[in-house]
Amino acid sequence: MITGAGPAFCAGLDLKVFAAAGADRETVRVLLHRFGQLGKPLVGAVNGPAVAGGLELALCCDFLIGAPRAMFADTHVGIGAFPGGGMTARLGRAVGVRNAKAISLAGVRLDAEAALRTGLLTEIVEPDRLVARARELAGRMAAANPELVTVVRRLHDRSQDKPLADAVAEESDELRRWRAAHQLGWNVPQGGSGVAREEQA
């Protein structure tokens, strides 16, 4: 779980430092890419503005919950900076390409309610409950079978770049591998409701 330490989730880089001659412009890009490639799910608890690089950091999370004062904006184009932390790759996947263009090119900002409507946020939580709720969700994932969490997470991520039929086929392939590796079978109780239940074979 990741959240901001102050009134903002992350306001991005210090522009005076970043614009200075000889400024290190690579470390942050590498760091953001590493966040986006973590081997475990990451929940973002957005307690305030997530701007520019801060928005890129939020987009590295598997999903986001936010306080009512959460706000999302991309100021890169407005200040003449090129985004390099995955903005153009991830924002459109999160909110749709048209919304992404409006945010990046025209400086449209999303408040918490707008972010919820676009799917950027999964829920809005009061500030005093935000971290506790994020920990609760992280705890649910941590309590589940870690191998299963990894496989299902990977399938969700990969499906974004595939035609529906290919994504469904990959899920079926993974199911067969999972059942073979864990010796599982599908058993429907006699006289039951017809709902499948996965049990030890």
N, C-alpha and C. Protein backbone atom coordinates (compact mmCIF):
# COMPACT_ATOMS: atom_id res chain seq x y z
N MET A 1 0.85 -1.18 0.00
CA MET A 1 0.00 0.00 0.00
C MET A 1 0.89 1.23 0.00
N ILE A 2 0.51 2.23 -0.78
CA ILE A 2 1.27 3.47 -0.84
C ILE A 2 0.32 4.65 -0.70
N THR A 3 0.73 5.65 0.07
CA THR A 3 -0.06 6.86 0.22
C THR A 3 0.88 8.03 0.40
N GLY A 4 0.33 9.24 0.42
CA GLY A 4 1.13 10.43 0.59
C GLY A 4 1.34 10.76 2.05
N ALA A 5 2.46 11.40 2.37
CA ALA A 5 2.78 11.74 3.75
C ALA A 5 2.21 13.10 4.15
N GLY A 6 1.82 13.90 3.18
CA GLY A 6 1.33 15.24 3.48
C GLY A 6 -0.04 15.49 2.89
N PRO A 7 -0.35 16.74 2.60
CA PRO A 7 -1.67 17.04 2.02
C PRO A 7 -1.83 16.55 0.60
N ALA A 8 -0.73 16.25 -0.07
CA ALA A 8 -0.79 15.71 -1.44
C ALA A 8 -0.37 14.25 -1.44
N PHE A 9 -0.92 13.50 -2.39
CA PHE A 9 -0.43 12.14 -2.61
C PHE A 9 0.99 12.21 -3.16
N CYS A 10 1.14 12.97 -4.25
CA CYS A 10 2.47 13.27 -4.81
C CYS A 10 2.30 14.39 -5.82
N ALA A 11 3.00 15.50 -5.59
CA ALA A 11 2.86 16.68 -6.45
C ALA A 11 3.84 16.67 -7.61
N GLY A 12 4.58 15.57 -7.78
CA GLY A 12 5.53 15.49 -8.88
C GLY A 12 6.88 16.05 -8.49
N LEU A 13 7.72 16.26 -9.48
CA LEU A 13 9.08 16.72 -9.24
C LEU A 13 9.14 18.19 -8.86
N ASP A 14 10.19 18.56 -8.16
CA ASP A 14 10.49 19.95 -7.90
C ASP A 14 11.01 20.55 -9.21
N LEU A 15 10.22 21.40 -9.83
CA LEU A 15 10.54 21.88 -11.17
C LEU A 15 11.84 22.69 -11.21
N LYS A 16 12.14 23.42 -10.15
CA LYS A 16 13.39 24.20 -10.14
C LYS A 16 14.60 23.28 -10.17
N VAL A 17 14.51 22.19 -9.42
CA VAL A 17 15.61 21.22 -9.40
C VAL A 17 15.68 20.48 -10.73
N PHE A 18 14.52 20.08 -11.25
CA PHE A 18 14.48 19.29 -12.47
C PHE A 18 14.98 20.09 -13.67
N ALA A 19 14.70 21.40 -13.69
CA ALA A 19 15.06 22.23 -14.84
C ALA A 19 16.52 22.70 -14.82
N ALA A 20 17.20 22.47 -13.73
CA ALA A 20 18.59 22.95 -13.62
C ALA A 20 19.50 22.19 -14.57
N ALA A 21 20.53 22.85 -15.02
CA ALA A 21 21.51 22.21 -15.89
C ALA A 21 22.14 21.02 -15.18
N GLY A 22 22.22 19.91 -15.87
CA GLY A 22 22.81 18.71 -15.30
C GLY A 22 21.91 17.96 -14.35
N ALA A 23 20.63 18.33 -14.28
CA ALA A 23 19.71 17.64 -13.37
C ALA A 23 19.54 16.18 -13.79
N ASP A 24 19.39 15.33 -12.79
CA ASP A 24 19.19 13.89 -13.05
C ASP A 24 17.73 13.67 -13.46
N ARG A 25 17.52 13.38 -14.73
CA ARG A 25 16.17 13.17 -15.24
C ARG A 25 15.87 11.69 -15.47
N GLU A 26 16.81 10.83 -15.15
CA GLU A 26 16.66 9.42 -15.44
C GLU A 26 16.22 8.61 -14.22
N THR A 27 16.68 8.99 -13.05
CA THR A 27 16.40 8.19 -11.85
C THR A 27 14.91 8.06 -11.60
N VAL A 28 14.18 9.16 -11.73
CA VAL A 28 12.74 9.12 -11.47
C VAL A 28 12.04 8.23 -12.49
N ARG A 29 12.43 8.33 -13.75
CA ARG A 29 11.82 7.47 -14.77
C ARG A 29 12.04 6.00 -14.44
N VAL A 30 13.25 5.64 -14.08
CA VAL A 30 13.56 4.25 -13.73
C VAL A 30 12.77 3.81 -12.50
N LEU A 31 12.69 4.70 -11.51
CA LEU A 31 11.95 4.38 -10.29
C LEU A 31 10.48 4.12 -10.59
N LEU A 32 9.86 4.98 -11.40
CA LEU A 32 8.45 4.78 -11.75
C LEU A 32 8.24 3.49 -12.51
N HIS A 33 9.13 3.17 -13.41
CA HIS A 33 9.01 1.92 -14.15
C HIS A 33 9.12 0.72 -13.21
N ARG A 34 9.96 0.84 -12.19
CA ARG A 34 10.08 -0.26 -11.23
C ARG A 34 8.80 -0.43 -10.42
N PHE A 35 8.19 0.69 -10.04
CA PHE A 35 6.91 0.61 -9.35
C PHE A 35 5.89 -0.12 -10.21
N GLY A 36 5.90 0.14 -11.50
CA GLY A 36 4.95 -0.49 -12.41
C GLY A 36 5.22 -1.94 -12.69
N GLN A 37 6.38 -2.45 -12.23
CA GLN A 37 6.74 -3.84 -12.49
C GLN A 37 6.89 -4.64 -11.21
N LEU A 38 6.32 -4.17 -10.12
CA LEU A 38 6.41 -4.90 -8.86
C LEU A 38 5.78 -6.28 -8.99
N GLY A 39 6.33 -7.23 -8.28
CA GLY A 39 5.81 -8.60 -8.35
C GLY A 39 4.57 -8.84 -7.52
N LYS A 40 4.19 -7.85 -6.71
CA LYS A 40 3.01 -7.99 -5.86
C LYS A 40 2.04 -6.86 -6.14
N PRO A 41 0.74 -7.07 -5.88
CA PRO A 41 -0.24 -6.00 -6.10
C PRO A 41 0.05 -4.79 -5.22
N LEU A 42 -0.22 -3.61 -5.75
CA LEU A 42 0.01 -2.36 -5.04
C LEU A 42 -1.29 -1.56 -5.01
N VAL A 43 -1.75 -1.22 -3.80
CA VAL A 43 -2.95 -0.41 -3.62
C VAL A 43 -2.52 1.03 -3.36
N GLY A 44 -3.07 1.97 -4.11
CA GLY A 44 -2.79 3.38 -3.89
C GLY A 44 -3.90 4.01 -3.09
N ALA A 45 -3.54 4.66 -1.98
CA ALA A 45 -4.50 5.40 -1.16
C ALA A 45 -4.24 6.88 -1.41
N VAL A 46 -5.02 7.47 -2.29
CA VAL A 46 -4.76 8.83 -2.78
C VAL A 46 -5.43 9.83 -1.83
N ASN A 47 -4.62 10.46 -1.00
CA ASN A 47 -5.13 11.35 0.03
C ASN A 47 -5.24 12.80 -0.41
N GLY A 48 -4.73 13.13 -1.59
CA GLY A 48 -4.77 14.51 -2.09
C GLY A 48 -4.36 14.54 -3.54
N PRO A 49 -3.87 15.68 -4.03
CA PRO A 49 -3.50 15.79 -5.44
C PRO A 49 -2.43 14.79 -5.86
N ALA A 50 -2.61 14.22 -7.05
CA ALA A 50 -1.61 13.38 -7.71
C ALA A 50 -1.36 14.03 -9.06
N VAL A 51 -0.25 14.71 -9.19
CA VAL A 51 -0.02 15.59 -10.33
C VAL A 51 1.25 15.18 -11.06
N ALA A 52 1.17 15.18 -12.41
CA ALA A 52 2.33 14.90 -13.27
C ALA A 52 2.98 13.57 -12.87
N GLY A 53 4.22 13.61 -12.38
CA GLY A 53 4.86 12.38 -11.93
C GLY A 53 4.10 11.69 -10.82
N GLY A 54 3.36 12.46 -10.03
CA GLY A 54 2.51 11.87 -9.00
C GLY A 54 1.38 11.07 -9.58
N LEU A 55 0.83 11.54 -10.70
CA LEU A 55 -0.20 10.77 -11.39
C LEU A 55 0.41 9.52 -12.00
N GLU A 56 1.62 9.63 -12.54
CA GLU A 56 2.28 8.44 -13.08
C GLU A 56 2.51 7.41 -11.97
N LEU A 57 2.88 7.87 -10.79
CA LEU A 57 3.05 6.95 -9.66
C LEU A 57 1.73 6.29 -9.30
N ALA A 58 0.65 7.05 -9.27
CA ALA A 58 -0.67 6.48 -8.97
C ALA A 58 -1.06 5.43 -10.01
N LEU A 59 -0.73 5.70 -11.27
CA LEU A 59 -1.08 4.76 -12.35
C LEU A 59 -0.29 3.46 -12.27
N CYS A 60 0.82 3.46 -11.53
CA CYS A 60 1.59 2.23 -11.35
C CYS A 60 0.89 1.27 -10.39
N CYS A 61 -0.07 1.78 -9.61
CA CYS A 61 -0.79 0.93 -8.65
C CYS A 61 -1.78 0.04 -9.38
N ASP A 62 -2.06 -1.12 -8.80
CA ASP A 62 -3.03 -2.03 -9.41
C ASP A 62 -4.43 -1.45 -9.34
N PHE A 63 -4.75 -0.77 -8.26
CA PHE A 63 -5.99 -0.01 -8.20
C PHE A 63 -5.85 1.07 -7.14
N LEU A 64 -6.76 2.05 -7.18
CA LEU A 64 -6.68 3.23 -6.34
C LEU A 64 -7.97 3.44 -5.57
N ILE A 65 -7.83 3.81 -4.30
CA ILE A 65 -8.96 4.37 -3.56
C ILE A 65 -8.56 5.79 -3.20
N GLY A 66 -9.53 6.66 -2.97
CA GLY A 66 -9.18 8.05 -2.75
C GLY A 66 -10.04 8.73 -1.72
N ALA A 67 -9.49 9.74 -1.09
CA ALA A 67 -10.24 10.62 -0.21
C ALA A 67 -11.01 11.62 -1.06
N PRO A 68 -12.02 12.28 -0.49
CA PRO A 68 -12.78 13.27 -1.27
C PRO A 68 -11.92 14.38 -1.86
N ARG A 69 -10.79 14.68 -1.24
CA ARG A 69 -9.93 15.76 -1.78
C ARG A 69 -8.90 15.24 -2.79
N ALA A 70 -8.98 14.00 -3.17
CA ALA A 70 -8.08 13.48 -4.21
C ALA A 70 -8.32 14.25 -5.52
N MET A 71 -7.25 14.48 -6.24
CA MET A 71 -7.33 15.18 -7.52
C MET A 71 -6.22 14.65 -8.42
N PHE A 72 -6.51 14.55 -9.72
CA PHE A 72 -5.56 13.98 -10.67
C PHE A 72 -5.36 14.95 -11.83
N ALA A 73 -4.10 15.20 -12.17
CA ALA A 73 -3.80 16.12 -13.26
C ALA A 73 -2.45 15.77 -13.88
N ASP A 74 -2.35 16.08 -15.17
CA ASP A 74 -1.08 15.91 -15.88
C ASP A 74 -0.66 17.27 -16.43
N THR A 75 0.40 17.84 -15.86
CA THR A 75 0.84 19.18 -16.25
C THR A 75 2.05 19.16 -17.18
N HIS A 76 2.47 17.98 -17.63
CA HIS A 76 3.69 17.89 -18.43
C HIS A 76 3.66 18.81 -19.65
N VAL A 77 2.64 18.67 -20.49
CA VAL A 77 2.58 19.45 -21.72
C VAL A 77 2.48 20.94 -21.41
N GLY A 78 1.72 21.27 -20.38
CA GLY A 78 1.53 22.67 -20.01
C GLY A 78 2.81 23.38 -19.62
N ILE A 79 3.76 22.64 -19.06
CA ILE A 79 5.02 23.26 -18.65
C ILE A 79 6.15 22.96 -19.64
N GLY A 80 5.80 22.28 -20.74
CA GLY A 80 6.80 21.99 -21.76
C GLY A 80 7.71 20.83 -21.43
N ALA A 81 7.22 19.90 -20.60
CA ALA A 81 8.04 18.74 -20.21
C ALA A 81 7.48 17.48 -20.87
N PHE A 82 8.37 16.59 -21.20
CA PHE A 82 7.96 15.33 -21.82
C PHE A 82 7.72 14.29 -20.72
N PRO A 83 6.54 13.65 -20.68
CA PRO A 83 6.31 12.61 -19.68
C PRO A 83 7.16 11.38 -19.99
N GLY A 84 7.73 10.80 -18.95
CA GLY A 84 8.58 9.64 -19.20
C GLY A 84 8.38 8.51 -18.22
N GLY A 85 7.38 8.63 -17.35
CA GLY A 85 7.15 7.61 -16.34
C GLY A 85 5.98 6.69 -16.64
N GLY A 86 5.59 6.61 -17.91
CA GLY A 86 4.51 5.71 -18.30
C GLY A 86 3.16 6.37 -18.49
N MET A 87 3.11 7.70 -18.48
CA MET A 87 1.84 8.41 -18.59
C MET A 87 1.05 8.02 -19.83
N THR A 88 1.69 8.09 -21.00
CA THR A 88 0.96 7.84 -22.24
C THR A 88 0.62 6.36 -22.42
N ALA A 89 1.31 5.49 -21.70
CA ALA A 89 1.03 4.06 -21.78
C ALA A 89 -0.09 3.64 -20.83
N ARG A 90 -0.17 4.29 -19.66
CA ARG A 90 -1.09 3.81 -18.63
C ARG A 90 -2.37 4.63 -18.48
N LEU A 91 -2.30 5.94 -18.73
CA LEU A 91 -3.47 6.78 -18.45
C LEU A 91 -4.67 6.38 -19.30
N GLY A 92 -4.46 6.17 -20.60
CA GLY A 92 -5.56 5.78 -21.48
C GLY A 92 -6.18 4.45 -21.09
N ARG A 93 -5.36 3.53 -20.60
CA ARG A 93 -5.88 2.24 -20.14
C ARG A 93 -6.75 2.41 -18.90
N ALA A 94 -6.46 3.43 -18.11
CA ALA A 94 -7.19 3.63 -16.86
C ALA A 94 -8.49 4.41 -17.06
N VAL A 95 -8.47 5.41 -17.94
CA VAL A 95 -9.64 6.29 -18.05
C VAL A 95 -10.21 6.35 -19.46
N GLY A 96 -9.61 5.65 -20.41
CA GLY A 96 -10.04 5.75 -21.80
C GLY A 96 -9.19 6.77 -22.53
N VAL A 97 -8.93 6.54 -23.80
CA VAL A 97 -7.98 7.37 -24.53
C VAL A 97 -8.47 8.81 -24.69
N ARG A 98 -9.77 9.03 -24.85
CA ARG A 98 -10.26 10.41 -25.02
C ARG A 98 -10.10 11.20 -23.72
N ASN A 99 -10.44 10.60 -22.61
CA ASN A 99 -10.22 11.27 -21.33
C ASN A 99 -8.74 11.52 -21.11
N ALA A 100 -7.92 10.55 -21.48
CA ALA A 100 -6.47 10.70 -21.29
C ALA A 100 -5.94 11.89 -22.10
N LYS A 101 -6.40 12.04 -23.33
CA LYS A 101 -5.95 13.16 -24.15
C LYS A 101 -6.40 14.49 -23.54
N ALA A 102 -7.62 14.54 -23.03
CA ALA A 102 -8.10 15.78 -22.41
C ALA A 102 -7.26 16.14 -21.19
N ILE A 103 -6.89 15.12 -20.40
CA ILE A 103 -6.10 15.36 -19.19
C ILE A 103 -4.69 15.80 -19.56
N SER A 104 -4.05 15.12 -20.50
CA SER A 104 -2.65 15.41 -20.84
C SER A 104 -2.49 16.62 -21.75
N LEU A 105 -3.37 16.77 -22.73
CA LEU A 105 -3.18 17.83 -23.72
C LEU A 105 -3.85 19.14 -23.32
N ALA A 106 -5.01 19.07 -22.69
CA ALA A 106 -5.76 20.28 -22.35
C ALA A 106 -5.73 20.61 -20.86
N GLY A 107 -5.06 19.80 -20.09
CA GLY A 107 -4.94 20.10 -18.67
C GLY A 107 -6.20 19.89 -17.86
N VAL A 108 -7.13 19.07 -18.37
CA VAL A 108 -8.36 18.78 -17.62
C VAL A 108 -7.99 18.02 -16.35
N ARG A 109 -8.56 18.45 -15.24
CA ARG A 109 -8.29 17.82 -13.95
C ARG A 109 -9.50 16.99 -13.51
N LEU A 110 -9.21 15.89 -12.86
CA LEU A 110 -10.28 15.04 -12.34
C LEU A 110 -10.31 15.16 -10.83
N ASP A 111 -11.46 15.59 -10.27
CA ASP A 111 -11.61 15.51 -8.82
C ASP A 111 -11.99 14.08 -8.46
N ALA A 112 -12.22 13.82 -7.20
CA ALA A 112 -12.46 12.44 -6.75
C ALA A 112 -13.70 11.85 -7.42
N GLU A 113 -14.77 12.62 -7.51
CA GLU A 113 -16.01 12.10 -8.10
C GLU A 113 -15.82 11.79 -9.58
N ALA A 114 -15.14 12.69 -10.29
CA ALA A 114 -14.89 12.44 -11.72
C ALA A 114 -13.99 11.23 -11.90
N ALA A 115 -12.98 11.09 -11.03
CA ALA A 115 -12.08 9.93 -11.11
C ALA A 115 -12.83 8.64 -10.83
N LEU A 116 -13.80 8.68 -9.94
CA LEU A 116 -14.62 7.50 -9.68
C LEU A 116 -15.46 7.15 -10.90
N ARG A 117 -16.02 8.16 -11.55
CA ARG A 117 -16.86 7.91 -12.73
C ARG A 117 -16.05 7.32 -13.89
N THR A 118 -14.82 7.77 -14.06
CA THR A 118 -14.00 7.27 -15.16
C THR A 118 -13.37 5.91 -14.87
N GLY A 119 -13.42 5.48 -13.59
CA GLY A 119 -12.81 4.21 -13.23
C GLY A 119 -11.39 4.33 -12.73
N LEU A 120 -10.87 5.56 -12.63
CA LEU A 120 -9.52 5.74 -12.10
C LEU A 120 -9.48 5.38 -10.61
N LEU A 121 -10.52 5.78 -9.88
CA LEU A 121 -10.71 5.36 -8.50
C LEU A 121 -11.73 4.24 -8.43
N THR A 122 -11.53 3.30 -7.53
CA THR A 122 -12.53 2.25 -7.32
C THR A 122 -13.52 2.63 -6.23
N GLU A 123 -13.11 3.51 -5.31
CA GLU A 123 -14.03 3.98 -4.28
C GLU A 123 -13.47 5.24 -3.64
N ILE A 124 -14.36 6.01 -3.02
CA ILE A 124 -13.99 7.20 -2.28
C ILE A 124 -14.23 6.92 -0.80
N VAL A 125 -13.22 7.21 0.01
CA VAL A 125 -13.26 6.89 1.44
C VAL A 125 -12.92 8.16 2.23
N GLU A 126 -13.59 8.36 3.34
CA GLU A 126 -13.31 9.52 4.18
C GLU A 126 -11.84 9.50 4.63
N PRO A 127 -11.23 10.68 4.75
CA PRO A 127 -9.78 10.74 5.02
C PRO A 127 -9.34 9.95 6.24
N ASP A 128 -10.15 9.94 7.31
CA ASP A 128 -9.72 9.26 8.52
C ASP A 128 -9.80 7.74 8.40
N ARG A 129 -10.40 7.24 7.32
CA ARG A 129 -10.52 5.80 7.09
C ARG A 129 -9.71 5.32 5.89
N LEU A 130 -9.08 6.26 5.19
CA LEU A 130 -8.46 5.92 3.91
C LEU A 130 -7.35 4.88 4.06
N VAL A 131 -6.41 5.11 4.94
CA VAL A 131 -5.29 4.18 5.09
C VAL A 131 -5.78 2.84 5.64
N ALA A 132 -6.70 2.88 6.60
CA ALA A 132 -7.24 1.63 7.15
C ALA A 132 -7.94 0.81 6.07
N ARG A 133 -8.67 1.48 5.20
CA ARG A 133 -9.36 0.77 4.11
C ARG A 133 -8.35 0.18 3.14
N ALA A 134 -7.30 0.94 2.81
CA ALA A 134 -6.27 0.42 1.91
C ALA A 134 -5.59 -0.80 2.53
N ARG A 135 -5.31 -0.74 3.82
CA ARG A 135 -4.69 -1.88 4.49
C ARG A 135 -5.64 -3.08 4.51
N GLU A 136 -6.92 -2.81 4.68
CA GLU A 136 -7.90 -3.91 4.65
C GLU A 136 -7.88 -4.62 3.30
N LEU A 137 -7.88 -3.85 2.22
CA LEU A 137 -7.87 -4.43 0.88
C LEU A 137 -6.56 -5.16 0.62
N ALA A 138 -5.45 -4.56 1.04
CA ALA A 138 -4.15 -5.22 0.89
C ALA A 138 -4.11 -6.52 1.70
N GLY A 139 -4.72 -6.49 2.88
CA GLY A 139 -4.76 -7.68 3.72
C GLY A 139 -5.54 -8.81 3.10
N ARG A 140 -6.62 -8.48 2.40
CA ARG A 140 -7.40 -9.51 1.72
C ARG A 140 -6.55 -10.21 0.66
N MET A 141 -5.77 -9.43 -0.08
CA MET A 141 -4.92 -10.03 -1.10
C MET A 141 -3.80 -10.84 -0.47
N ALA A 142 -3.24 -10.32 0.62
CA ALA A 142 -2.14 -11.02 1.29
C ALA A 142 -2.61 -12.34 1.90
N ALA A 143 -3.90 -12.41 2.27
CA ALA A 143 -4.43 -13.62 2.89
C ALA A 143 -4.77 -14.70 1.86
N ALA A 144 -4.86 -14.32 0.60
CA ALA A 144 -5.20 -15.27 -0.46
C ALA A 144 -3.96 -16.05 -0.89
N ASN A 145 -4.19 -17.10 -1.67
CA ASN A 145 -3.09 -17.89 -2.22
C ASN A 145 -2.21 -16.99 -3.08
N PRO A 146 -0.94 -16.77 -2.70
CA PRO A 146 -0.11 -15.81 -3.43
C PRO A 146 0.13 -16.19 -4.89
N GLU A 147 0.21 -17.49 -5.16
CA GLU A 147 0.41 -17.92 -6.54
C GLU A 147 -0.81 -17.61 -7.38
N LEU A 148 -1.99 -17.84 -6.80
CA LEU A 148 -3.22 -17.56 -7.52
C LEU A 148 -3.39 -16.06 -7.76
N VAL A 149 -3.06 -15.25 -6.75
CA VAL A 149 -3.12 -13.80 -6.91
C VAL A 149 -2.21 -13.36 -8.05
N THR A 150 -1.02 -13.92 -8.12
CA THR A 150 -0.06 -13.56 -9.16
C THR A 150 -0.59 -13.89 -10.55
N VAL A 151 -1.15 -15.09 -10.70
CA VAL A 151 -1.64 -15.53 -12.00
C VAL A 151 -2.83 -14.68 -12.44
N VAL A 152 -3.79 -14.47 -11.56
CA VAL A 152 -4.99 -13.70 -11.92
C VAL A 152 -4.61 -12.25 -12.23
N ARG A 153 -3.72 -11.68 -11.44
CA ARG A 153 -3.25 -10.31 -11.71
C ARG A 153 -2.60 -10.23 -13.08
N ARG A 154 -1.74 -11.20 -13.41
CA ARG A 154 -1.06 -11.21 -14.70
C ARG A 154 -2.06 -11.33 -15.84
N LEU A 155 -3.07 -12.17 -15.67
CA LEU A 155 -4.08 -12.33 -16.73
C LEU A 155 -4.83 -11.02 -16.96
N HIS A 156 -5.20 -10.34 -15.89
CA HIS A 156 -5.88 -9.05 -16.05
C HIS A 156 -5.00 -8.08 -16.83
N ASP A 157 -3.72 -8.00 -16.47
CA ASP A 157 -2.82 -7.07 -17.15
C ASP A 157 -2.64 -7.43 -18.62
N ARG A 158 -2.42 -8.70 -18.91
CA ARG A 158 -2.17 -9.11 -20.29
C ARG A 158 -3.41 -8.96 -21.17
N SER A 159 -4.58 -9.12 -20.60
CA SER A 159 -5.79 -9.09 -21.41
C SER A 159 -6.03 -7.73 -22.05
N GLN A 160 -5.42 -6.67 -21.48
CA GLN A 160 -5.65 -5.33 -22.01
C GLN A 160 -5.12 -5.16 -23.43
N ASP A 161 -4.14 -5.96 -23.79
CA ASP A 161 -3.51 -5.82 -25.10
C ASP A 161 -3.92 -6.92 -26.08
N LYS A 162 -4.92 -7.71 -25.73
CA LYS A 162 -5.30 -8.85 -26.56
C LYS A 162 -6.74 -8.75 -27.01
N PRO A 163 -7.07 -9.33 -28.17
CA PRO A 163 -8.48 -9.49 -28.54
C PRO A 163 -9.18 -10.36 -27.50
N LEU A 164 -10.48 -10.18 -27.34
CA LEU A 164 -11.23 -10.90 -26.31
C LEU A 164 -11.04 -12.40 -26.42
N ALA A 165 -11.14 -12.95 -27.64
CA ALA A 165 -11.02 -14.40 -27.81
C ALA A 165 -9.66 -14.90 -27.35
N ASP A 166 -8.60 -14.14 -27.63
CA ASP A 166 -7.26 -14.56 -27.21
C ASP A 166 -7.11 -14.49 -25.70
N ALA A 167 -7.70 -13.47 -25.08
CA ALA A 167 -7.62 -13.33 -23.63
C ALA A 167 -8.36 -14.46 -22.94
N VAL A 168 -9.54 -14.82 -23.47
CA VAL A 168 -10.31 -15.93 -22.89
C VAL A 168 -9.55 -17.24 -23.06
N ALA A 169 -8.92 -17.43 -24.22
CA ALA A 169 -8.14 -18.65 -24.47
C ALA A 169 -6.96 -18.75 -23.51
N GLU A 170 -6.29 -17.62 -23.24
CA GLU A 170 -5.16 -17.65 -22.32
C GLU A 170 -5.64 -18.00 -20.91
N GLU A 171 -6.78 -17.45 -20.50
CA GLU A 171 -7.32 -17.81 -19.19
C GLU A 171 -7.62 -19.30 -19.10
N SER A 172 -8.18 -19.87 -20.16
CA SER A 172 -8.48 -21.31 -20.18
C SER A 172 -7.20 -22.13 -20.09
N ASP A 173 -6.16 -21.69 -20.78
CA ASP A 173 -4.87 -22.38 -20.71
C ASP A 173 -4.31 -22.34 -19.29
N GLU A 174 -4.41 -21.18 -18.65
CA GLU A 174 -3.91 -21.05 -17.28
C GLU A 174 -4.73 -21.91 -16.32
N LEU A 175 -6.03 -22.01 -16.56
CA LEU A 175 -6.88 -22.85 -15.72
C LEU A 175 -6.46 -24.31 -15.82
N ARG A 176 -6.18 -24.77 -17.04
CA ARG A 176 -5.74 -26.15 -17.20
C ARG A 176 -4.42 -26.40 -16.48
N ARG A 177 -3.49 -25.45 -16.60
CA ARG A 177 -2.21 -25.59 -15.92
C ARG A 177 -2.40 -25.59 -14.39
N TRP A 178 -3.28 -24.73 -13.93
CA TRP A 178 -3.53 -24.63 -12.49
C TRP A 178 -4.13 -25.93 -11.94
N ARG A 179 -5.12 -26.45 -12.65
CA ARG A 179 -5.77 -27.68 -12.19
C ARG A 179 -4.80 -28.86 -12.21
N ALA A 180 -3.95 -28.92 -13.23
CA ALA A 180 -2.99 -30.01 -13.32
C ALA A 180 -1.95 -29.90 -12.21
N ALA A 181 -1.49 -28.68 -11.94
CA ALA A 181 -0.46 -28.49 -10.93
C ALA A 181 -0.97 -28.74 -9.52
N HIS A 182 -2.25 -28.47 -9.30
CA HIS A 182 -2.80 -28.58 -7.95
C HIS A 182 -3.76 -29.75 -7.80
N GLN A 183 -3.87 -30.57 -8.84
CA GLN A 183 -4.73 -31.76 -8.81
C GLN A 183 -6.15 -31.42 -8.38
N LEU A 184 -6.67 -30.39 -9.04
CA LEU A 184 -8.02 -29.96 -8.72
C LEU A 184 -9.01 -30.44 -9.78
N GLY A 185 -10.24 -30.65 -9.35
CA GLY A 185 -11.30 -31.01 -10.27
C GLY A 185 -12.56 -30.23 -9.95
N TRP A 186 -13.45 -30.17 -10.90
CA TRP A 186 -14.71 -29.47 -10.68
C TRP A 186 -15.78 -30.49 -10.31
N ASN A 187 -16.36 -30.34 -9.15
CA ASN A 187 -17.38 -31.28 -8.68
C ASN A 187 -18.66 -30.52 -8.33
N VAL A 188 -19.76 -30.96 -8.90
CA VAL A 188 -21.06 -30.35 -8.59
C VAL A 188 -21.79 -31.29 -7.65
N PRO A 189 -22.13 -30.86 -6.43
CA PRO A 189 -22.81 -31.74 -5.48
C PRO A 189 -24.12 -32.27 -6.04
N GLN A 190 -24.41 -33.54 -5.77
CA GLN A 190 -25.65 -34.15 -6.22
C GLN A 190 -26.84 -33.44 -5.56
N GLY A 191 -27.82 -33.11 -6.38
CA GLY A 191 -29.02 -32.47 -5.84
C GLY A 191 -28.80 -31.04 -5.42
N GLY A 192 -27.65 -30.48 -5.78
CA GLY A 192 -27.35 -29.11 -5.38
C GLY A 192 -27.97 -28.11 -6.33
N SER A 193 -27.49 -26.89 -6.21
CA SER A 193 -28.06 -25.80 -6.99
C SER A 193 -27.49 -25.74 -8.39
N GLY A 194 -26.50 -26.57 -8.68
CA GLY A 194 -25.87 -26.52 -10.01
C GLY A 194 -24.70 -25.58 -10.08
N VAL A 195 -24.31 -24.97 -8.93
CA VAL A 195 -23.16 -24.08 -8.91
C VAL A 195 -21.90 -24.91 -8.76
N ALA A 196 -20.93 -24.69 -9.65
CA ALA A 196 -19.70 -25.47 -9.60
C ALA A 196 -18.88 -25.12 -8.38
N ARG A 197 -18.22 -26.12 -7.83
CA ARG A 197 -17.35 -25.92 -6.69
C ARG A 197 -16.04 -26.63 -6.96
N GLU A 198 -14.93 -25.93 -6.69
CA GLU A 198 -13.62 -26.50 -6.94
C GLU A 198 -13.14 -27.18 -5.67
N GLU A 199 -12.81 -28.48 -5.78
CA GLU A 199 -12.41 -29.25 -4.61
C GLU A 199 -11.20 -30.10 -4.98
N GLN A 200 -10.59 -30.65 -3.95
CA GLN A 200 -9.52 -31.60 -4.19
C GLN A 200 -10.09 -32.82 -4.90
N ALA A 201 -9.42 -33.25 -5.99
CA ALA A 201 -9.90 -34.41 -6.73
C ALA A 201 -9.74 -35.67 -5.89
